[in-house]
C-alpha atoms as a PDB file:
ATOM      1  CA  MET A   1       3.935 -22.897   7.909  1.00  0.00           C
ATOM      2  CA  SER A   2       1.213 -24.400  10.109  1.00  0.00           C
ATOM      3  CA  PHE A   3      -0.537 -22.611  12.964  1.00  0.00           C
ATOM      4  CA  GLN A   4      -3.067 -23.530  15.641  1.00  0.00           C
ATOM      5  CA  ARG A   5      -6.612 -22.211  15.198  1.00  0.00           C
ATOM      6  CA  THR A   6      -7.730 -20.245  18.228  1.00  0.00           C
ATOM      7  CA  PRO A   7     -11.263 -18.890  18.748  1.00  0.00           C
ATOM      8  CA  ALA A   8      -9.773 -16.259  21.060  1.00  0.00           C
ATOM      9  CA  GLY A   9      -7.662 -15.057  18.160  1.00  0.00           C
ATOM     10  CA  LEU A  10     -10.778 -14.481  16.078  1.00  0.00           C
ATOM     11  CA  HIS A  11     -12.267 -12.330  18.835  1.00  0.00           C
ATOM     12  CA  TRP A  12      -8.941 -10.452  18.967  1.00  0.00           C
ATOM     13  CA  ALA A  13      -9.156  -9.749  15.234  1.00  0.00           C
ATOM     14  CA  ALA A  14     -12.697  -8.487  15.514  1.00  0.00           C
ATOM     15  CA  ALA A  15     -11.642  -6.142  18.269  1.00  0.00           C
ATOM     16  CA  ILE A  16      -8.832  -4.764  16.124  1.00  0.00           C
ATOM     17  CA  ALA A  17     -11.142  -4.188  13.193  1.00  0.00           C
ATOM     18  CA  SER A  18     -13.708  -2.421  15.335  1.00  0.00           C
ATOM     19  CA  SER A  19     -11.224  -0.168  17.079  1.00  0.00           C
ATOM     20  CA  CYS A  20      -9.437   0.721  13.842  1.00  0.00           C
ATOM     21  CA  LEU A  21     -12.600   1.711  12.029  1.00  0.00           C
ATOM     22  CA  LEU A  22     -14.916   3.135  14.663  1.00  0.00           C
ATOM     23  CA  ALA A  23     -12.395   5.286  16.476  1.00  0.00           C
ATOM     24  CA  LEU A  24     -11.683   7.418  13.417  1.00  0.00           C
ATOM     25  CA  SER A  25     -13.016  10.893  12.771  1.00  0.00           C
ATOM     26  CA  PRO A  26     -15.032  11.801   9.656  1.00  0.00           C
ATOM     27  CA  ALA A  27     -12.925  12.546   6.569  1.00  0.00           C
ATOM     28  CA  VAL A  28     -12.500  15.586   4.450  1.00  0.00           C
ATOM     29  CA  GLN A  29      -5.236  13.067  -0.313  1.00  0.00           C
ATOM     30  CA  ALA A  30      -6.899  10.621  -2.632  1.00  0.00           C
ATOM     31  CA  ALA A  31      -6.287   6.870  -2.436  1.00  0.00           C
ATOM     32  CA  PRO A  32      -3.300   5.803  -4.569  1.00  0.00           C
ATOM     33  CA  ASP A  33      -3.468   2.849  -6.967  1.00  0.00           C
ATOM     34  CA  GLU A  34      -1.178   0.823  -4.660  1.00  0.00           C
ATOM     35  CA  ILE A  35      -2.054   0.718  -0.961  1.00  0.00           C
ATOM     36  CA  GLN A  36       0.621  -1.514   0.549  1.00  0.00           C
ATOM     37  CA  VAL A  37       3.322  -1.641   3.202  1.00  0.00           C
ATOM     38  CA  TYR A  38       6.354  -3.508   1.862  1.00  0.00           C
ATOM     39  CA  THR A  39       7.903  -6.393   3.796  1.00  0.00           C
ATOM     40  CA  GLU A  40      10.733  -8.849   3.095  1.00  0.00           C
ATOM     41  CA  GLU A  41       8.633 -11.070   0.810  1.00  0.00           C
ATOM     42  CA  MET A  42      10.136 -11.514  -2.674  1.00  0.00           C
ATOM     43  CA  ASP A  43      10.033 -13.810  -5.687  1.00  0.00           C
ATOM     44  CA  GLU A  44      12.626 -16.567  -5.747  1.00  0.00           C
ATOM     45  CA  PRO A  45      15.466 -16.095  -8.270  1.00  0.00           C
ATOM     46  CA  GLY A  46      14.249 -16.816 -11.798  1.00  0.00           C
ATOM     47  CA  GLU A  47      10.563 -16.813 -10.810  1.00  0.00           C
ATOM     48  CA  PHE A  48       7.798 -14.455 -11.906  1.00  0.00           C
ATOM     49  CA  GLY A  49       4.936 -13.207  -9.778  1.00  0.00           C
ATOM     50  CA  LEU A  50       1.681 -11.389 -10.450  1.00  0.00           C
ATOM     51  CA  GLU A  51      -0.117  -9.188  -7.963  1.00  0.00           C
ATOM     52  CA  LEU A  52      -3.456  -7.537  -8.617  1.00  0.00           C
ATOM     53  CA  HIS A  53      -3.987  -4.355  -6.603  1.00  0.00           C
ATOM     54  CA  VAL A  54      -7.643  -3.336  -6.386  1.00  0.00           C
ATOM     55  CA  ASN A  55      -9.157  -0.476  -4.437  1.00  0.00           C
ATOM     56  CA  GLN A  56     -12.365   1.492  -4.575  1.00  0.00           C
ATOM     57  CA  VAL A  57     -13.264   4.750  -2.903  1.00  0.00           C
ATOM     58  CA  MET A  58     -16.670   4.159  -1.374  1.00  0.00           C
ATOM     59  CA  ARG A  59     -16.956   7.717  -0.109  1.00  0.00           C
ATOM     60  CA  GLY A  60     -14.650  10.361  -1.505  1.00  0.00           C
ATOM     61  CA  ARG A  61     -14.250  13.740  -3.138  1.00  0.00           C
ATOM     62  CA  THR A  62     -16.831  14.598  -5.796  1.00  0.00           C
ATOM     63  CA  GLU A  63     -14.977  17.592  -7.290  1.00  0.00           C
ATOM     64  CA  PRO A  64     -11.525  17.610  -8.983  1.00  0.00           C
ATOM     65  CA  SER A  65      -8.736  19.365  -7.074  1.00  0.00           C
ATOM     66  CA  TYR A  66      -7.138  20.603 -10.345  1.00  0.00           C
ATOM     67  CA  PRO A  67      -8.412  20.903 -13.953  1.00  0.00           C
ATOM     68  CA  GLY A  68      -8.548  17.529 -15.687  1.00  0.00           C
ATOM     69  CA  GLU A  69      -8.375  15.384 -12.545  1.00  0.00           C
ATOM     70  CA  MET A  70     -10.665  12.391 -12.073  1.00  0.00           C
ATOM     71  CA  ALA A  71     -12.573  12.926  -8.830  1.00  0.00           C
ATOM     72  CA  SER A  72     -12.132  10.113  -6.351  1.00  0.00           C
ATOM     73  CA  GLN A  73     -15.769   9.408  -5.474  1.00  0.00           C
ATOM     74  CA  HIS A  74     -16.569   5.772  -6.432  1.00  0.00           C
ATOM     75  CA  ARG A  75     -13.311   5.519  -8.397  1.00  0.00           C
ATOM     76  CA  LEU A  76     -12.193   1.923  -8.956  1.00  0.00           C
ATOM     77  CA  GLN A  77      -8.459   1.349  -9.464  1.00  0.00           C
ATOM     78  CA  VAL A  78      -7.031  -1.947 -10.718  1.00  0.00           C
ATOM     79  CA  THR A  79      -3.263  -2.262 -11.011  1.00  0.00           C
ATOM     80  CA  PRO A  80      -1.573  -5.458 -12.251  1.00  0.00           C
ATOM     81  CA  GLU A  81       1.997  -5.762 -11.005  1.00  0.00           C
ATOM     82  CA  ILE A  82       4.382  -8.174 -12.719  1.00  0.00           C
ATOM     83  CA  SER A  83       7.494  -9.030 -10.712  1.00  0.00           C
ATOM     84  CA  TYR A  84      10.638 -11.093 -11.285  1.00  0.00           C
ATOM     85  CA  GLY A  85      13.210 -12.461  -8.862  1.00  0.00           C
ATOM     86  CA  ILE A  86      16.642 -11.391 -10.099  1.00  0.00           C
ATOM     87  CA  SER A  87      18.550 -12.894  -7.177  1.00  0.00           C
ATOM     88  CA  LYS A  88      18.080 -13.784  -3.515  1.00  0.00           C
ATOM     89  CA  THR A  89      18.288 -10.084  -2.670  1.00  0.00           C
ATOM     90  CA  LEU A  90      16.904  -8.300  -5.758  1.00  0.00           C
ATOM     91  CA  GLU A  91      13.439  -8.197  -7.325  1.00  0.00           C
ATOM     92  CA  ALA A  92      12.156  -6.091 -10.232  1.00  0.00           C
ATOM     93  CA  GLY A  93       8.551  -5.046 -10.817  1.00  0.00           C
ATOM     94  CA  LEU A  94       6.315  -3.349 -13.385  1.00  0.00           C
ATOM     95  CA  TYR A  95       3.001  -1.636 -12.516  1.00  0.00           C
ATOM     96  CA  LEU A  96       0.271  -0.984 -15.091  1.00  0.00           C
ATOM     97  CA  PRO A  97      -2.340   1.199 -13.322  1.00  0.00           C
ATOM     98  CA  LEU A  98      -5.925   1.322 -14.588  1.00  0.00           C
ATOM     99  CA  ALA A  99      -8.863   3.308 -13.246  1.00  0.00           C
ATOM    100  CA  MET A 100     -12.608   3.298 -13.804  1.00  0.00           C
ATOM    101  CA  SER A 101     -14.599   6.460 -13.166  1.00  0.00           C
ATOM    102  CA  SER A 102     -17.988   6.558 -11.476  1.00  0.00           C
ATOM    103  CA  SER A 103     -19.552   6.717 -14.977  1.00  0.00           C
ATOM    104  CA  GLY A 104     -17.937   3.412 -15.985  1.00  0.00           C
ATOM    105  CA  GLU A 105     -15.161   4.760 -18.242  1.00  0.00           C
ATOM    106  CA  LEU A 106     -11.884   2.781 -18.081  1.00  0.00           C
ATOM    107  CA  PHE A 107      -8.548   4.579 -18.358  1.00  0.00           C
ATOM    108  CA  GLY A 108      -4.880   3.680 -18.385  1.00  0.00           C
ATOM    109  CA  ASN A 109      -3.068   5.736 -15.752  1.00  0.00           C
ATOM    110  CA  GLY A 110       0.586   5.312 -16.742  1.00  0.00           C
ATOM    111  CA  LEU A 111       3.227   2.816 -15.641  1.00  0.00           C
ATOM    112  CA  ARG A 112       5.939   2.428 -13.027  1.00  0.00           C
ATOM    113  CA  LEU A 113       9.131   0.390 -12.689  1.00  0.00           C
ATOM    114  CA  ARG A 114      10.586  -0.695  -9.369  1.00  0.00           C
ATOM    115  CA  LEU A 115      13.660  -2.426  -7.962  1.00  0.00           C
ATOM    116  CA  LYS A 116      13.551  -3.980  -4.497  1.00  0.00           C
ATOM    117  CA  TYR A 117      16.501  -5.023  -2.356  1.00  0.00           C
ATOM    118  CA  ILE A 118      16.292  -7.090   0.826  1.00  0.00           C
ATOM    119  CA  ALA A 119      19.496  -7.614   2.793  1.00  0.00           C
ATOM    120  CA  PRO A 120      20.684 -11.227   3.311  1.00  0.00           C
ATOM    121  CA  ARG A 121      19.610 -12.809   6.599  1.00  0.00           C
ATOM    122  CA  GLU A 122      20.335 -15.911   8.609  1.00  0.00           C
ATOM    123  CA  GLU A 123      17.587 -18.548   8.537  1.00  0.00           C
ATOM    124  CA  ASN A 124      16.269 -17.781  12.038  1.00  0.00           C
ATOM    125  CA  ASP A 125      16.783 -14.025  11.913  1.00  0.00           C
ATOM    126  CA  HIS A 126      13.422 -12.336  12.508  1.00  0.00           C
ATOM    127  CA  PHE A 127      14.579  -8.815  11.633  1.00  0.00           C
ATOM    128  CA  PHE A 128      14.771  -7.614   8.023  1.00  0.00           C
ATOM    129  CA  TRP A 129      15.634  -4.455   6.148  1.00  0.00           C
ATOM    130  CA  GLY A 130      15.896  -3.317   2.548  1.00  0.00           C
ATOM    131  CA  LEU A 131      15.068  -0.622   0.017  1.00  0.00           C
ATOM    132  CA  ASN A 132      12.569  -0.259  -2.816  1.00  0.00           C
ATOM    133  CA  THR A 133      12.861   2.419  -5.501  1.00  0.00           C
ATOM    134  CA  GLU A 134      10.250   3.309  -8.122  1.00  0.00           C
ATOM    135  CA  LEU A 135      10.288   5.535 -11.187  1.00  0.00           C
ATOM    136  CA  GLY A 136       7.142   6.105 -13.163  1.00  0.00           C
ATOM    137  CA  TYR A 137       4.800   8.040 -15.413  1.00  0.00           C
ATOM    138  CA  SER A 138       1.292   9.069 -14.323  1.00  0.00           C
ATOM    139  CA  ASN A 139      -1.604  10.282 -16.425  1.00  0.00           C
ATOM    140  CA  HIS A 140      -2.851  13.814 -15.759  1.00  0.00           C
ATOM    141  CA  ARG A 141      -6.165  12.329 -14.605  1.00  0.00           C
ATOM    142  CA  ILE A 142      -4.551  11.225 -11.347  1.00  0.00           C
ATOM    143  CA  SER A 143      -1.488  13.469 -10.936  1.00  0.00           C
ATOM    144  CA  GLU A 144      -0.412  16.980 -11.855  1.00  0.00           C
ATOM    145  CA  SER A 145       3.112  15.615 -12.342  1.00  0.00           C
ATOM    146  CA  ALA A 146       3.696  13.290 -15.291  1.00  0.00           C
ATOM    147  CA  ALA A 147       6.854  11.782 -13.759  1.00  0.00           C
ATOM    148  CA  GLY A 148       7.711  10.831 -10.214  1.00  0.00           C
ATOM    149  CA  ILE A 149      10.138   8.882  -8.065  1.00  0.00           C
ATOM    150  CA  GLU A 150       9.724   7.011  -4.798  1.00  0.00           C
ATOM    151  CA  VAL A 151      12.373   5.831  -2.341  1.00  0.00           C
ATOM    152  CA  ARG A 152      10.974   3.358   0.195  1.00  0.00           C
ATOM    153  CA  PRO A 153      13.179   1.994   2.986  1.00  0.00           C
ATOM    154  CA  ILE A 154      11.885  -1.290   4.421  1.00  0.00           C
ATOM    155  CA  ILE A 155      12.398  -2.136   8.092  1.00  0.00           C
ATOM    156  CA  GLY A 156      10.651  -4.935   9.931  1.00  0.00           C
ATOM    157  CA  TYR A 157      10.322  -7.942  12.186  1.00  0.00           C
ATOM    158  CA  ARG A 158       8.476 -11.224  11.572  1.00  0.00           C
ATOM    159  CA  ASP A 159       8.056 -14.338  13.681  1.00  0.00           C
ATOM    160  CA  GLU A 160       5.423 -17.097  13.733  1.00  0.00           C
ATOM    161  CA  ARG A 161       2.834 -14.851  15.389  1.00  0.00           C
ATOM    162  CA  TRP A 162       3.696 -11.226  14.712  1.00  0.00           C
ATOM    163  CA  LEU A 163       4.662  -8.993  11.796  1.00  0.00           C
ATOM    164  CA  PHE A 164       5.805  -5.393  12.130  1.00  0.00           C
ATOM    165  CA  ALA A 165       6.893  -3.416   9.053  1.00  0.00           C
ATOM    166  CA  PHE A 166       7.791   0.257   8.696  1.00  0.00           C
ATOM    167  CA  ASN A 167       8.232   2.099   5.373  1.00  0.00           C
ATOM    168  CA  PRO A 168       9.516   5.687   5.839  1.00  0.00           C
ATOM    169  CA  ILE A 169       8.658   6.622   2.230  1.00  0.00           C
ATOM    170  CA  VAL A 170       9.998   9.674   0.393  1.00  0.00           C
ATOM    171  CA  ASN A 171       8.217  10.719  -2.825  1.00  0.00           C
ATOM    172  CA  ALA A 172       9.123  13.462  -5.296  1.00  0.00           C
ATOM    173  CA  ASP A 173       7.495  14.804  -8.455  1.00  0.00           C
ATOM    174  CA  LEU A 174       9.865  15.305 -11.392  1.00  0.00           C
ATOM    175  CA  SER A 175       7.829  17.311 -13.912  1.00  0.00           C
ATOM    176  CA  ASN A 176       8.011  21.027 -14.628  1.00  0.00           C
ATOM    177  CA  LYS A 177       5.546  23.510 -13.119  1.00  0.00           C
ATOM    178  CA  VAL A 178       5.015  21.429  -9.970  1.00  0.00           C
ATOM    179  CA  SER A 179       6.864  21.334  -6.690  1.00  0.00           C
ATOM    180  CA  ARG A 180       9.786  18.910  -6.775  1.00  0.00           C
ATOM    181  CA  ARG A 181      10.316  18.965  -3.034  1.00  0.00           C
ATOM    182  CA  PRO A 182      10.572  15.444  -1.568  1.00  0.00           C
ATOM    183  CA  VAL A 183       7.651  14.639   0.723  1.00  0.00           C
ATOM    184  CA  PHE A 184       7.526  12.206   3.634  1.00  0.00           C
ATOM    185  CA  GLU A 185       4.746   9.577   3.565  1.00  0.00           C
ATOM    186  CA  PRO A 186       5.289   6.881   6.205  1.00  0.00           C
ATOM    187  CA  GLY A 187       3.549   3.506   6.184  1.00  0.00           C
ATOM    188  CA  VAL A 188       3.240   1.013   9.039  1.00  0.00           C
ATOM    189  CA  LYS A 189       1.851  -2.519   9.195  1.00  0.00           C
ATOM    190  CA  VAL A 190       1.217  -4.639  12.289  1.00  0.00           C
ATOM    191  CA  THR A 191      -0.473  -8.052  12.190  1.00  0.00           C
ATOM    192  CA  ARG A 192      -0.930 -11.033  14.502  1.00  0.00           C
ATOM    193  CA  ARG A 193      -1.663 -14.653  13.608  1.00  0.00           C
ATOM    194  CA  ILE A 194      -5.254 -15.573  14.434  1.00  0.00           C
ATOM    195  CA  ALA A 195      -5.600 -18.918  12.612  1.00  0.00           C
ATOM    196  CA  GLU A 196      -3.744 -21.177  10.228  1.00  0.00           C
ATOM    197  CA  ASP A 197      -2.421 -18.986   7.376  1.00  0.00           C
ATOM    198  CA  VAL A 198      -4.520 -16.049   8.574  1.00  0.00           C
ATOM    199  CA  HIS A 199      -3.240 -12.830  10.137  1.00  0.00           C
ATOM    200  CA  ALA A 200      -5.194  -9.727  11.178  1.00  0.00           C
ATOM    201  CA  GLY A 201      -4.124  -6.236  12.106  1.00  0.00           C
ATOM    202  CA  PHE A 202      -3.868  -2.748  10.704  1.00  0.00           C
ATOM    203  CA  GLU A 203      -2.013  -0.629   8.174  1.00  0.00           C
ATOM    204  CA  TYR A 204      -1.362   3.082   8.583  1.00  0.00           C
ATOM    205  CA  TYR A 205      -0.495   5.570   5.813  1.00  0.00           C
ATOM    206  CA  GLY A 206       0.439   9.188   6.507  1.00  0.00           C
ATOM    207  CA  GLU A 207       1.226  12.323   4.530  1.00  0.00           C
ATOM    208  CA  TYR A 208       3.541  14.606   6.483  1.00  0.00           C
ATOM    209  CA  GLY A 209       4.522  17.165   3.853  1.00  0.00           C
ATOM    210  CA  PRO A 210       7.941  18.337   2.571  1.00  0.00           C
ATOM    211  CA  LEU A 211      10.848  16.368   3.993  1.00  0.00           C
ATOM    212  CA  HIS A 212      12.927  19.461   4.769  1.00  0.00           C
ATOM    213  CA  HIS A 213      10.076  21.137   6.660  1.00  0.00           C
ATOM    214  CA  LEU A 214       7.300  18.785   7.781  1.00  0.00           C
ATOM    215  CA  THR A 215       3.816  20.206   8.114  1.00  0.00           C
ATOM    216  CA  ALA A 216       2.426  20.911  11.547  1.00  0.00           C
ATOM    217  CA  ALA A 217       0.747  17.936  13.217  1.00  0.00           C
ATOM    218  CA  PRO A 218      -2.831  19.281  12.806  1.00  0.00           C
ATOM    219  CA  GLU A 219      -2.281  19.619   9.033  1.00  0.00           C
ATOM    220  CA  ARG A 220      -0.998  16.085   8.404  1.00  0.00           C
ATOM    221  CA  THR A 221      -3.097  13.428   6.701  1.00  0.00           C
ATOM    222  CA  HIS A 222      -3.710   9.990   8.214  1.00  0.00           C
ATOM    223  CA  ASN A 223      -5.373   6.864   6.799  1.00  0.00           C
ATOM    224  CA  LEU A 224      -5.960   3.692   8.807  1.00  0.00           C
ATOM    225  CA  TYR A 225      -6.999   0.266   7.492  1.00  0.00           C
ATOM    226  CA  ALA A 226      -8.222  -2.815   9.311  1.00  0.00           C
ATOM    227  CA  ILE A 227      -6.766  -5.718   7.339  1.00  0.00           C
ATOM    228  CA  ILE A 228      -6.722  -9.486   6.949  1.00  0.00           C
ATOM    229  CA  ASP A 229      -3.850 -11.427   5.329  1.00  0.00           C
ATOM    230  CA  ALA A 230      -4.696 -14.972   4.280  1.00  0.00           C
ATOM    231  CA  GLU A 231      -3.353 -17.746   2.066  1.00  0.00           C
ATOM    232  CA  VAL A 232      -6.019 -19.645   0.142  1.00  0.00           C
ATOM    233  CA  ALA A 233      -5.022 -22.494  -2.198  1.00  0.00           C
ATOM    234  CA  GLY A 234      -1.528 -21.050  -2.579  1.00  0.00           C
ATOM    235  CA  ILE A 235      -2.813 -17.543  -3.353  1.00  0.00           C
ATOM    236  CA  ASP A 236      -1.975 -14.740  -0.925  1.00  0.00           C
ATOM    237  CA  ILE A 237      -4.762 -12.259  -0.264  1.00  0.00           C
ATOM    238  CA  ASN A 238      -4.595  -8.960   1.580  1.00  0.00           C
ATOM    239  CA  PHE A 239      -7.964  -7.314   2.216  1.00  0.00           C
ATOM    240  CA  GLY A 240      -8.673  -4.107   4.083  1.00  0.00           C
ATOM    241  CA  ILE A 241     -11.259  -1.470   4.853  1.00  0.00           C
ATOM    242  CA  GLY A 242      -9.804   1.976   5.438  1.00  0.00           C
ATOM    243  CA  HIS A 243     -10.957   5.333   6.673  1.00  0.00           C
ATOM    244  CA  GLY A 244      -9.408   8.714   5.973  1.00  0.00           C
ATOM    245  CA  MET A 245      -8.892  10.759   9.063  1.00  0.00           C
ATOM    246  CA  LYS A 246      -8.403  14.535   9.342  1.00  0.00           C
ATOM    247  CA  ASN A 247      -7.384  16.232   6.057  1.00  0.00           C
ATOM    248  CA  ALA A 248      -7.859  13.054   3.992  1.00  0.00           C
ATOM    249  CA  GLU A 249      -9.669  13.516   0.688  1.00  0.00           C
ATOM    250  CA  ASP A 250     -11.311  10.100   0.806  1.00  0.00           C
ATOM    251  CA  GLY A 251     -13.557   8.797   3.554  1.00  0.00           C
ATOM    252  CA  TRP A 252     -14.025   5.035   3.175  1.00  0.00           C
ATOM    253  CA  ILE A 253     -11.838   2.873   0.941  1.00  0.00           C
ATOM    254  CA  ALA A 254     -11.901  -0.879   0.288  1.00  0.00           C
ATOM    255  CA  LYS A 255      -8.683  -2.468  -0.944  1.00  0.00           C
ATOM    256  CA  ALA A 256      -7.333  -5.884  -1.855  1.00  0.00           C
ATOM    257  CA  ILE A 257      -4.050  -7.334  -3.084  1.00  0.00           C
ATOM    258  CA  ILE A 258      -4.183 -10.780  -4.676  1.00  0.00           C
ATOM    259  CA  ALA A 259      -0.807 -12.440  -5.297  1.00  0.00           C
ATOM    260  CA  PHE A 260      -0.418 -15.271  -7.829  1.00  0.00           C
ATOM    261  CA  PRO A 261       3.039 -16.873  -7.650  1.00  0.00           C
ATOM    262  CA  PHE A 262       4.384 -18.604 -10.764  1.00  0.00           C
ATOM    263  CA  LYS A 263       6.899 -21.387 -10.143  1.00  0.00           C
END
């Protein structure tokens, strides 16, 4: 898809980045290994894909919140994700999370399996919807629960200039001796085209507490990222700088997703 380069668009992107980052309050939940809002993008049937999720907490919590946890300060997380297009509407994925502590030690942090469905659409239909489900194991260094499940509805709109995506995510721990109550963690992404194969905007991630009884608004956690999406030599890159707002464990986080399609 080709777009017109517009200097005004670049100024617009800079304004978004500034407002997203400077308008936030100082921080006080830790960054996950995957910081992403899902859209309708999928591998073609019979094709594999590889995404590399990378994020680092530049300013975070220096003390563990439970015995045996890896504190988030300066933690680097690298998560390869291998995906496969089963059909036009189904895609499977495997995550292999890794983390490096501030002292330079590298750890494996479990694995997760996912299945993503995107409903069929007409060629010129800008609206999309679907569902992603994940089941996985996490090391005690990053989670008190060894097993967990995620249900992620996907709702969105995309045209040549704008993308809006909403993920009303529900997560639940499955291990013993932890709460198994489903929790609501919404994600939102809004971007605008600013140049050929370049979009800028923001991503929002919230933690609203148990689904059956959401926490009061002052107790909820919010994280906001200024982001750039770009395609370079056939490789899709998502890059963002985020800030944890009230109740967030991490202050500043840098994240990137690098997608390598295999055809």
